[in-house]
Amino acid sequence: EDTAVYYCAAQDWVDWSATGSTRANAYRYWGQG
């Protein structure tokens, strides 16, 4: 069930929150996977 494309993403340090940082739309930068 872990089979997938895994992506790394980055958000500005000020944008951290316990809930927000679990959402894809909170990240500005993405790798190709």
PDB file of all heavy atoms in Angstrom:
ATOM      1  N   GLU A   1       0.809  -1.217   0.000  1.00  0.00           N
ATOM      2  CA  GLU A   1       0.000   0.000   0.000  1.00  0.00           C
ATOM      3  C   GLU A   1       0.848   1.274   0.000  1.00  0.00           C
ATOM      4  O   GLU A   1       0.337   2.376  -0.215  1.00  0.00           O
ATOM      5  CB  GLU A   1      -0.933   0.019   1.206  1.00  0.00           C
ATOM      6  CG  GLU A   1      -2.028  -1.053   1.193  1.00  0.00           C
ATOM      7  CD  GLU A   1      -1.501  -2.455   1.470  1.00  0.00           C
ATOM      8  OE1 GLU A   1      -0.408  -2.595   2.062  1.00  0.00           O
ATOM      9  OE2 GLU A   1      -2.182  -3.424   1.065  1.00  0.00           O
ATOM     10  N   ASP A   2       2.138   1.140   0.250  1.00  0.00           N
ATOM     11  CA  ASP A   2       3.042   2.286   0.222  1.00  0.00           C
ATOM     12  C   ASP A   2       3.509   2.613  -1.199  1.00  0.00           C
ATOM     13  O   ASP A   2       4.205   3.612  -1.409  1.00  0.00           O
ATOM     14  CB  ASP A   2       4.260   2.037   1.105  1.00  0.00           C
ATOM     15  CG  ASP A   2       3.904   1.882   2.565  1.00  0.00           C
ATOM     16  OD1 ASP A   2       3.081   2.673   3.067  1.00  0.00           O
ATOM     17  OD2 ASP A   2       4.449   0.961   3.222  1.00  0.00           O
ATOM     18  N   THR A   3       3.149   1.783  -2.151  1.00  0.00           N
ATOM     19  CA  THR A   3       3.534   2.015  -3.539  1.00  0.00           C
ATOM     20  C   THR A   3       2.953   3.323  -4.045  1.00  0.00           C
ATOM     21  O   THR A   3       1.738   3.548  -3.974  1.00  0.00           O
ATOM     22  CB  THR A   3       3.060   0.853  -4.433  1.00  0.00           C
ATOM     23  OG1 THR A   3       3.757  -0.335  -4.045  1.00  0.00           O
ATOM     24  CG2 THR A   3       3.337   1.144  -5.897  1.00  0.00           C
ATOM     25  N   ALA A   4       3.828   4.206  -4.530  1.00  0.00           N
ATOM     26  CA  ALA A   4       3.396   5.525  -4.986  1.00  0.00           C
ATOM     27  C   ALA A   4       4.605   6.279  -5.522  1.00  0.00           C
ATOM     28  O   ALA A   4       5.747   5.839  -5.354  1.00  0.00           O
ATOM     29  CB  ALA A   4       2.778   6.322  -3.832  1.00  0.00           C
ATOM     30  N   VAL A   5       4.334   7.417  -6.123  1.00  0.00           N
ATOM     31  CA  VAL A   5       5.391   8.379  -6.407  1.00  0.00           C
ATOM     32  C   VAL A   5       5.505   9.283  -5.182  1.00  0.00           C
ATOM     33  O   VAL A   5       4.500   9.824  -4.712  1.00  0.00           O
ATOM     34  CB  VAL A   5       5.093   9.213  -7.663  1.00  0.00           C
ATOM     35  CG1 VAL A   5       6.190  10.256  -7.873  1.00  0.00           C
ATOM     36  CG2 VAL A   5       4.960   8.310  -8.883  1.00  0.00           C
ATOM     37  N   TYR A   6       6.705   9.418  -4.688  1.00  0.00           N
ATOM     38  CA  TYR A   6       6.955  10.225  -3.493  1.00  0.00           C
ATOM     39  C   TYR A   6       7.566  11.564  -3.904  1.00  0.00           C
ATOM     40  O   TYR A   6       8.545  11.604  -4.651  1.00  0.00           O
ATOM     41  CB  TYR A   6       7.877   9.483  -2.538  1.00  0.00           C
ATOM     42  CG  TYR A   6       7.166   8.396  -1.785  1.00  0.00           C
ATOM     43  CD1 TYR A   6       6.749   7.230  -2.431  1.00  0.00           C
ATOM     44  CD2 TYR A   6       6.868   8.531  -0.429  1.00  0.00           C
ATOM     45  CE1 TYR A   6       6.061   6.242  -1.749  1.00  0.00           C
ATOM     46  CE2 TYR A   6       6.184   7.537   0.264  1.00  0.00           C
ATOM     47  CZ  TYR A   6       5.778   6.394  -0.397  1.00  0.00           C
ATOM     48  OH  TYR A   6       5.101   5.419   0.278  1.00  0.00           O
ATOM     49  N   TYR A   7       6.966  12.622  -3.388  1.00  0.00           N
ATOM     50  CA  TYR A   7       7.392  13.978  -3.723  1.00  0.00           C
ATOM     51  C   TYR A   7       7.912  14.704  -2.492  1.00  0.00           C
ATOM     52  O   TYR A   7       7.345  14.591  -1.409  1.00  0.00           O
ATOM     53  CB  TYR A   7       6.220  14.789  -4.281  1.00  0.00           C
ATOM     54  CG  TYR A   7       5.664  14.280  -5.579  1.00  0.00           C
ATOM     55  CD1 TYR A   7       4.618  13.367  -5.594  1.00  0.00           C
ATOM     56  CD2 TYR A   7       6.183  14.717  -6.794  1.00  0.00           C
ATOM     57  CE1 TYR A   7       4.092  12.904  -6.788  1.00  0.00           C
ATOM     58  CE2 TYR A   7       5.665  14.264  -7.994  1.00  0.00           C
ATOM     59  CZ  TYR A   7       4.623  13.350  -7.984  1.00  0.00           C
ATOM     60  OH  TYR A   7       4.107  12.892  -9.174  1.00  0.00           O
ATOM     61  N   CYS A   8       8.958  15.452  -2.706  1.00  0.00           N
ATOM     62  CA  CYS A   8       9.484  16.347  -1.691  1.00  0.00           C
ATOM     63  C   CYS A   8       8.986  17.758  -2.006  1.00  0.00           C
ATOM     64  O   CYS A   8       8.895  18.144  -3.184  1.00  0.00           O
ATOM     65  CB  CYS A   8      11.012  16.304  -1.713  1.00  0.00           C
ATOM     66  SG  CYS A   8      11.818  17.397  -0.551  1.00  0.00           S
ATOM     67  N   ALA A   9       8.679  18.527  -0.957  1.00  0.00           N
ATOM     68  CA  ALA A   9       8.171  19.886  -1.156  1.00  0.00           C
ATOM     69  C   ALA A   9       8.740  20.803  -0.087  1.00  0.00           C
ATOM     70  O   ALA A   9       9.105  20.350   1.005  1.00  0.00           O
ATOM     71  CB  ALA A   9       6.647  19.888  -1.089  1.00  0.00           C
ATOM     72  N   ALA A  10       8.795  22.096  -0.413  1.00  0.00           N
ATOM     73  CA  ALA A  10       9.343  23.077   0.520  1.00  0.00           C
ATOM     74  C   ALA A  10       8.393  24.261   0.674  1.00  0.00           C
ATOM     75  O   ALA A  10       7.730  24.669  -0.279  1.00  0.00           O
ATOM     76  CB  ALA A  10      10.704  23.577   0.027  1.00  0.00           C
ATOM     77  N   GLN A  11       8.349  24.750   1.897  1.00  0.00           N
ATOM     78  CA  GLN A  11       7.581  25.960   2.189  1.00  0.00           C
ATOM     79  C   GLN A  11       8.470  26.896   3.007  1.00  0.00           C
ATOM     80  O   GLN A  11       9.384  26.461   3.696  1.00  0.00           O
ATOM     81  CB  GLN A  11       6.305  25.633   2.975  1.00  0.00           C
ATOM     82  CG  GLN A  11       6.537  25.049   4.330  1.00  0.00           C
ATOM     83  CD  GLN A  11       5.300  24.876   5.179  1.00  0.00           C
ATOM     84  OE1 GLN A  11       5.415  24.630   6.359  1.00  0.00           O
ATOM     85  NE2 GLN A  11       4.114  24.991   4.627  1.00  0.00           N
ATOM     86  N   ASP A  12       8.174  28.180   2.932  1.00  0.00           N
ATOM     87  CA  ASP A  12       8.940  29.152   3.706  1.00  0.00           C
ATOM     88  C   ASP A  12       8.816  28.859   5.199  1.00  0.00           C
ATOM     89  O   ASP A  12       7.750  28.436   5.663  1.00  0.00           O
ATOM     90  CB  ASP A  12       8.452  30.564   3.419  1.00  0.00           C
ATOM     91  CG  ASP A  12       8.786  30.998   2.003  1.00  0.00           C
ATOM     92  OD1 ASP A  12       9.757  30.454   1.433  1.00  0.00           O
ATOM     93  OD2 ASP A  12       8.078  31.864   1.460  1.00  0.00           O
ATOM     94  N   TRP A  13       9.852  29.107   5.953  1.00  0.00           N
ATOM     95  CA  TRP A  13       9.879  28.730   7.361  1.00  0.00           C
ATOM     96  C   TRP A  13       8.753  29.364   8.170  1.00  0.00           C
ATOM     97  O   TRP A  13       8.265  28.761   9.120  1.00  0.00           O
ATOM     98  CB  TRP A  13      11.231  29.094   7.975  1.00  0.00           C
ATOM     99  CG  TRP A  13      11.486  30.565   8.097  1.00  0.00           C
ATOM    100  CD1 TRP A  13      12.016  31.392   7.142  1.00  0.00           C
ATOM    101  CD2 TRP A  13      11.213  31.395   9.225  1.00  0.00           C
ATOM    102  NE1 TRP A  13      12.077  32.670   7.604  1.00  0.00           N
ATOM    103  CE2 TRP A  13      11.609  32.710   8.882  1.00  0.00           C
ATOM    104  CE3 TRP A  13      10.680  31.158  10.480  1.00  0.00           C
ATOM    105  CZ2 TRP A  13      11.480  33.765   9.753  1.00  0.00           C
ATOM    106  CZ3 TRP A  13      10.551  32.222  11.365  1.00  0.00           C
ATOM    107  CH2 TRP A  13      10.945  33.514  10.989  1.00  0.00           C
ATOM    108  N   VAL A  14       8.286  30.542   7.765  1.00  0.00           N
ATOM    109  CA  VAL A  14       7.241  31.233   8.520  1.00  0.00           C
ATOM    110  C   VAL A  14       5.870  30.597   8.342  1.00  0.00           C
ATOM    111  O   VAL A  14       4.934  30.915   9.082  1.00  0.00           O
ATOM    112  CB  VAL A  14       7.153  32.718   8.125  1.00  0.00           C
ATOM    113  CG1 VAL A  14       8.434  33.436   8.485  1.00  0.00           C
ATOM    114  CG2 VAL A  14       6.826  32.881   6.654  1.00  0.00           C
ATOM    115  N   ASP A  15       5.747  29.722   7.359  1.00  0.00           N
ATOM    116  CA  ASP A  15       4.443  29.163   7.030  1.00  0.00           C
ATOM    117  C   ASP A  15       4.105  27.891   7.811  1.00  0.00           C
ATOM    118  O   ASP A  15       3.052  27.294   7.595  1.00  0.00           O
ATOM    119  CB  ASP A  15       4.371  28.857   5.531  1.00  0.00           C
ATOM    120  CG  ASP A  15       4.388  30.121   4.699  1.00  0.00           C
ATOM    121  OD1 ASP A  15       3.906  31.159   5.204  1.00  0.00           O
ATOM    122  OD2 ASP A  15       4.887  30.075   3.562  1.00  0.00           O
ATOM    123  N   TRP A  16       4.971  27.489   8.720  1.00  0.00           N
ATOM    124  CA  TRP A  16       4.731  26.250   9.451  1.00  0.00           C
ATOM    125  C   TRP A  16       3.492  26.337  10.335  1.00  0.00           C
ATOM    126  O   TRP A  16       3.286  27.314  11.050  1.00  0.00           O
ATOM    127  CB  TRP A  16       5.936  25.914  10.333  1.00  0.00           C
ATOM    128  CG  TRP A  16       5.756  24.676  11.145  1.00  0.00           C
ATOM    129  CD1 TRP A  16       5.271  24.574  12.421  1.00  0.00           C
ATOM    130  CD2 TRP A  16       6.052  23.342  10.730  1.00  0.00           C
ATOM    131  NE1 TRP A  16       5.268  23.265  12.806  1.00  0.00           N
ATOM    132  CE2 TRP A  16       5.737  22.485  11.809  1.00  0.00           C
ATOM    133  CE3 TRP A  16       6.575  22.789   9.556  1.00  0.00           C
ATOM    134  CZ2 TRP A  16       5.919  21.107  11.739  1.00  0.00           C
ATOM    135  CZ3 TRP A  16       6.759  21.419   9.493  1.00  0.00           C
ATOM    136  CH2 TRP A  16       6.429  20.591  10.571  1.00  0.00           C
ATOM    137  N   SER A  17       2.686  25.284  10.299  1.00  0.00           N
ATOM    138  CA  SER A  17       1.623  25.106  11.275  1.00  0.00           C
ATOM    139  C   SER A  17       1.324  23.619  11.345  1.00  0.00           C
ATOM    140  O   SER A  17       1.567  22.876  10.396  1.00  0.00           O
ATOM    141  CB  SER A  17       0.357  25.883  10.907  1.00  0.00           C
ATOM    142  OG  SER A  17      -0.317  25.281   9.828  1.00  0.00           O
ATOM    143  N   ALA A  18       0.793  23.200  12.464  1.00  0.00           N
ATOM    144  CA  ALA A  18       0.561  21.771  12.704  1.00  0.00           C
ATOM    145  C   ALA A  18      -0.433  21.187  11.715  1.00  0.00           C
ATOM    146  O   ALA A  18      -0.375  20.012  11.385  1.00  0.00           O
ATOM    147  CB  ALA A  18       0.074  21.554  14.131  1.00  0.00           C
ATOM    148  N   THR A  19      -1.355  21.989  11.241  1.00  0.00           N
ATOM    149  CA  THR A  19      -2.331  21.494  10.263  1.00  0.00           C
ATOM    150  C   THR A  19      -1.967  21.946   8.860  1.00  0.00           C
ATOM    151  O   THR A  19      -2.013  21.162   7.907  1.00  0.00           O
ATOM    152  CB  THR A  19      -3.744  21.980  10.616  1.00  0.00           C
ATOM    153  OG1 THR A  19      -3.728  23.405  10.767  1.00  0.00           O
ATOM    154  CG2 THR A  19      -4.222  21.347  11.920  1.00  0.00           C
ATOM    155  N   GLY A  20      -1.592  23.197   8.729  1.00  0.00           N
ATOM    156  CA  GLY A  20      -1.300  23.731   7.405  1.00  0.00           C
ATOM    157  C   GLY A  20      -0.165  23.015   6.710  1.00  0.00           C
ATOM    158  O   GLY A  20      -0.193  22.816   5.489  1.00  0.00           O
ATOM    159  N   SER A  21       0.837  22.605   7.457  1.00  0.00           N
ATOM    160  CA  SER A  21       2.006  21.967   6.848  1.00  0.00           C
ATOM    161  C   SER A  21       1.746  20.536   6.423  1.00  0.00           C
ATOM    162  O   SER A  21       2.647  19.863   5.940  1.00  0.00           O
ATOM    163  CB  SER A  21       3.202  22.048   7.800  1.00  0.00           C
ATOM    164  OG  SER A  21       3.589  23.397   7.989  1.00  0.00           O
ATOM    165  N   THR A  22       0.517  20.073   6.593  1.00  0.00           N
ATOM    166  CA  THR A  22       0.130  18.758   6.079  1.00  0.00           C
ATOM    167  C   THR A  22      -0.624  18.875   4.758  1.00  0.00           C
ATOM    168  O   THR A  22      -1.014  17.862   4.188  1.00  0.00           O
ATOM    169  CB  THR A  22      -0.749  17.997   7.081  1.00  0.00           C
ATOM    170  OG1 THR A  22      -2.001  18.669   7.213  1.00  0.00           O
ATOM    171  CG2 THR A  22      -0.082  17.885   8.446  1.00  0.00           C
ATOM    172  N   ARG A  23      -0.816  20.070   4.278  1.00  0.00           N
ATOM    173  CA  ARG A  23      -1.585  20.297   3.051  1.00  0.00           C
ATOM    174  C   ARG A  23      -0.651  20.611   1.882  1.00  0.00           C
ATOM    175  O   ARG A  23       0.242  21.437   1.998  1.00  0.00           O
ATOM    176  CB  ARG A  23      -2.567  21.450   3.257  1.00  0.00           C
ATOM    177  CG  ARG A  23      -3.553  21.194   4.379  1.00  0.00           C
ATOM    178  CD  ARG A  23      -4.646  22.243   4.405  1.00  0.00           C
ATOM    179  NE  ARG A  23      -5.541  22.053   5.553  1.00  0.00           N
ATOM    180  CZ  ARG A  23      -5.684  22.938   6.526  1.00  0.00           C
ATOM    181  NH1 ARG A  23      -5.018  24.066   6.498  1.00  0.00           N
ATOM    182  NH2 ARG A  23      -6.515  22.694   7.517  1.00  0.00           N
ATOM    183  N   ALA A  24      -0.904  19.990   0.764  1.00  0.00           N
ATOM    184  CA  ALA A  24      -0.051  20.174  -0.400  1.00  0.00           C
ATOM    185  C   ALA A  24      -0.057  21.629  -0.868  1.00  0.00           C
ATOM    186  O   ALA A  24       0.968  22.146  -1.313  1.00  0.00           O
ATOM    187  CB  ALA A  24      -0.494  19.246  -1.530  1.00  0.00           C
ATOM    188  N   ASN A  25      -1.181  22.299  -0.748  1.00  0.00           N
ATOM    189  CA  ASN A  25      -1.252  23.674  -1.246  1.00  0.00           C
ATOM    190  C   ASN A  25      -0.514  24.658  -0.353  1.00  0.00           C
ATOM    191  O   ASN A  25      -0.457  25.858  -0.663  1.00  0.00           O
ATOM    192  CB  ASN A  25      -2.700  24.102  -1.454  1.00  0.00           C
ATOM    193  CG  ASN A  25      -3.529  24.088  -0.188  1.00  0.00           C
ATOM    194  OD1 ASN A  25      -2.989  23.918   0.906  1.00  0.00           O
ATOM    195  ND2 ASN A  25      -4.828  24.247  -0.319  1.00  0.00           N
ATOM    196  N   ALA A  26       0.045  24.184   0.759  1.00  0.00           N
ATOM    197  CA  ALA A  26       0.854  25.049   1.617  1.00  0.00           C
ATOM    198  C   ALA A  26       2.307  25.098   1.182  1.00  0.00           C
ATOM    199  O   ALA A  26       3.096  25.835   1.766  1.00  0.00           O
ATOM    200  CB  ALA A  26       0.768  24.565   3.063  1.00  0.00           C
ATOM    201  N   TYR A  27       2.660  24.307   0.179  1.00  0.00           N
ATOM    202  CA  TYR A  27       4.044  24.210  -0.274  1.00  0.00           C
ATOM    203  C   TYR A  27       4.197  24.861  -1.642  1.00  0.00           C
ATOM    204  O   TYR A  27       3.433  24.585  -2.554  1.00  0.00           O
ATOM    205  CB  TYR A  27       4.488  22.746  -0.329  1.00  0.00           C
ATOM    206  CG  TYR A  27       4.602  22.146   1.045  1.00  0.00           C
ATOM    207  CD1 TYR A  27       3.483  21.671   1.715  1.00  0.00           C
ATOM    208  CD2 TYR A  27       5.831  22.066   1.687  1.00  0.00           C
ATOM    209  CE1 TYR A  27       3.580  21.139   2.983  1.00  0.00           C
ATOM    210  CE2 TYR A  27       5.940  21.526   2.959  1.00  0.00           C
ATOM    211  CZ  TYR A  27       4.802  21.067   3.608  1.00  0.00           C
ATOM    212  OH  TYR A  27       4.904  20.550   4.865  1.00  0.00           O
ATOM    213  N   ARG A  28       5.204  25.690  -1.727  1.00  0.00           N
ATOM    214  CA  ARG A  28       5.416  26.443  -2.960  1.00  0.00           C
ATOM    215  C   ARG A  28       6.293  25.701  -3.964  1.00  0.00           C
ATOM    216  O   ARG A  28       6.131  25.842  -5.162  1.00  0.00           O
ATOM    217  CB  ARG A  28       6.049  27.800  -2.635  1.00  0.00           C
ATOM    218  CG  ARG A  28       6.300  28.681  -3.845  1.00  0.00           C
ATOM    219  CD  ARG A  28       6.996  29.960  -3.447  1.00  0.00           C
ATOM    220  NE  ARG A  28       6.238  30.741  -2.468  1.00  0.00           N
ATOM    221  CZ  ARG A  28       6.640  31.932  -2.016  1.00  0.00           C
ATOM    222  NH1 ARG A  28       7.764  32.455  -2.464  1.00  0.00           N
ATOM    223  NH2 ARG A  28       5.914  32.592  -1.142  1.00  0.00           N
ATOM    224  N   TYR A  29       7.247  24.930  -3.449  1.00  0.00           N
ATOM    225  CA  TYR A  29       8.237  24.307  -4.323  1.00  0.00           C
ATOM    226  C   TYR A  29       8.123  22.787  -4.251  1.00  0.00           C
ATOM    227  O   TYR A  29       7.943  22.223  -3.163  1.00  0.00           O
ATOM    228  CB  TYR A  29       9.648  24.734  -3.911  1.00  0.00           C
ATOM    229  CG  TYR A  29       9.823  26.224  -3.814  1.00  0.00           C
ATOM    230  CD1 TYR A  29       9.875  26.853  -2.577  1.00  0.00           C
ATOM    231  CD2 TYR A  29       9.923  27.004  -4.954  1.00  0.00           C
ATOM    232  CE1 TYR A  29      10.038  28.221  -2.469  1.00  0.00           C
ATOM    233  CE2 TYR A  29      10.084  28.382  -4.863  1.00  0.00           C
ATOM    234  CZ  TYR A  29      10.139  28.982  -3.624  1.00  0.00           C
ATOM    235  OH  TYR A  29      10.292  30.334  -3.533  1.00  0.00           O
ATOM    236  N   TRP A  30       8.291  22.146  -5.409  1.00  0.00           N
ATOM    237  CA  TRP A  30       8.127  20.697  -5.503  1.00  0.00           C
ATOM    238  C   TRP A  30       9.237  20.080  -6.346  1.00  0.00           C
ATOM    239  O   TRP A  30       9.718  20.681  -7.303  1.00  0.00           O
ATOM    240  CB  TRP A  30       6.782  20.353  -6.148  1.00  0.00           C
ATOM    241  CG  TRP A  30       5.625  20.665  -5.266  1.00  0.00           C
ATOM    242  CD1 TRP A  30       4.999  21.873  -5.117  1.00  0.00           C
ATOM    243  CD2 TRP A  30       4.965  19.761  -4.385  1.00  0.00           C
ATOM    244  NE1 TRP A  30       3.982  21.780  -4.193  1.00  0.00           N
ATOM    245  CE2 TRP A  30       3.940  20.488  -3.722  1.00  0.00           C
ATOM    246  CE3 TRP A  30       5.126  18.415  -4.070  1.00  0.00           C
ATOM    247  CZ2 TRP A  30       3.084  19.895  -2.785  1.00  0.00           C
ATOM    248  CZ3 TRP A  30       4.285  17.839  -3.139  1.00  0.00           C
ATOM    249  CH2 TRP A  30       3.276  18.569  -2.508  1.00  0.00           C
ATOM    250  N   GLY A  31       9.598  18.854  -5.972  1.00  0.00           N
ATOM    251  CA  GLY A  31      10.477  18.063  -6.798  1.00  0.00           C
ATOM    252  C   GLY A  31       9.690  17.291  -7.840  1.00  0.00           C
ATOM    253  O   GLY A  31       8.458  17.365  -7.885  1.00  0.00           O
ATOM    254  N   GLN A  32      10.404  16.524  -8.658  1.00  0.00           N
ATOM    255  CA  GLN A  32       9.780  15.771  -9.739  1.00  0.00           C
ATOM    256  C   GLN A  32       9.217  14.431  -9.266  1.00  0.00           C
ATOM    257  O   GLN A  32       8.424  13.814  -9.988  1.00  0.00           O
ATOM    258  CB  GLN A  32      10.790  15.533 -10.856  1.00  0.00           C
ATOM    259  CG  GLN A  32      11.215  16.816 -11.557  1.00  0.00           C
ATOM    260  CD  GLN A  32      10.050  17.523 -12.203  1.00  0.00           C
ATOM    261  OE1 GLN A  32       9.306  16.948 -12.984  1.00  0.00           O
ATOM    262  NE2 GLN A  32       9.862  18.801 -11.879  1.00  0.00           N
ATOM    263  N   GLY A  33       9.633  13.985  -8.112  1.00  0.00           N
ATOM    264  CA  GLY A  33       9.117  12.742  -7.559  1.00  0.00           C
ATOM    265  C   GLY A  33      10.033  11.558  -7.820  1.00  0.00           C
ATOM    266  O   GLY A  33      10.826  11.561  -8.771  1.00  0.00           O
TER     267      GLY A  33
END
